[in-house]
Amino acid sequence: MRQIRWKQIGFAGILFGMLWACSGGGTDTPSPTNPTNQADSDRKAMLTNIADNIIVPAYANFKTKLDAMTAKSDAFSAKPDKASLADFRQAWVDAYTEWQKVELFDVGPAEQYTLRNFFNIYPANTTGIEEYITAGSGSFDVPLSYPKQGFPALDYLINGLGSTDDAIVARYTTAADAAKRIAYLKRLTTQMNSVFTTVYTQWTTGGYRDTFINCTALNAGCSTGKLVNGYVLNYERYIRSGKIGIPSGAMTNGTVSPDKVEAYYKKDLSLALAKTAHQASVDFFNGKSVKTGQEGPGLKSYLTSLGAKDSQTGKSLVEIINAQFDLVSQKLGLLKADLSDDVKTNNTAVTQVYTEMQKAVRMLKVDMTSAMSITITYTDNDGD
């Protein structure tokens, strides 16, 4: 996500992430609610399916890709050449793509430890990265460090250091700071593995899964409210705005910023990441199991059980939202793989994606949350 507009939010995330509820501590933490009515039962079924068939297996898939990327990074560091660079790049692409499927789970441990901040704050601060490399040190745990790490930093270090592979490899072999640059790669992957392992372990063996599915109340601090807030925020701020709205100029009075696309140095990846993130949001809404591909209890089924209707047409709110998701997918399908180039040469098509995503945001942020009696607890300044 963009550092330019929300870097202070990363700091706020650290302060307020400690307040995530249902894990104990703090006088405002609600007690888990036993399902005493049909709505509570529906929520418990939804949370159980989301935990067991979506979040945990998606995290497991990402861990596999992250581990593979780390191994290829280590192989490149041990023997920097064009072959090991190519392998590292592919593993980075695979892991970055898989990340798009878990970034939306901004609840519980991911919220507490501000997972996103350590993985995907872009554009990368290349000046800051070079300063850290030169110094051989530098904290990764402060907001100003977020764009110096994660996938965007790796993008710069394996795709953006030269116009040819030979030139990039030379930065890790014959350059005066080659050893420091290799050491920085190791720091990056170590940090990513450390933070993610902390989050993943709390879900799998640390007891958070049970806390999550048993906190069925609609309190702002309980699972459904936290989950929905994180889901909507991710779609609004990190997909609509970060991937499309800011680069296209749709949110900056027409000032295009092709250098602010995700995966800027890997020119043919940014659109694929946007499509993957959007589809992950669609699948999550529909309760689609990561393990089987089948739909189970989720936001879709919960809205259906509530009889949620569109206030203007009287149609099923679920049908309206999914139809809008389809429109977004159609508009994304009209773009080129190099989103940075499309921003410069085909910007109308890019802004049309933003327009359709903005409609989806309103449906999720206003209509869906109203039907579910959930209060949006985050703030934004672009007026929905």
Foldseek 3Di string as FASTA:
>chain_A
DECVPCLVVLVVLQVCLQVQELPDDDPPHDDFDDPPDPLLVLLLQALLLCLPFAALVLLVVLVVLLVQLLVLLVVCLVPPDLVSLVSNVVSLLVNLLSVLLHQLQCHDLCSNQVLCLLAFHDDAPVVVLVVCLVVLDDDCRHSVNSSNAHSNVVLCLSQNQDPDSVSSSCCLPVDPSNNSSSVVSVVRSVVNVVSSCVSSCCSPPVPVSVSQSRRRDQPCSHNVLRSLLSNLCCLPPVQLCQAFCAQLCVQPVRDHNLCRHGSSRVQLARLSSSLSNLVSSVCQCQCQGPVPRDGTRHLLVSQVVLVQADPPPRHRLSVVLVVLSVVLNVLSVVDGSRVSVCSVVVSVSRVVSSVSSVVSSCSSQPRSCVSVVHHNDDDDDPDD
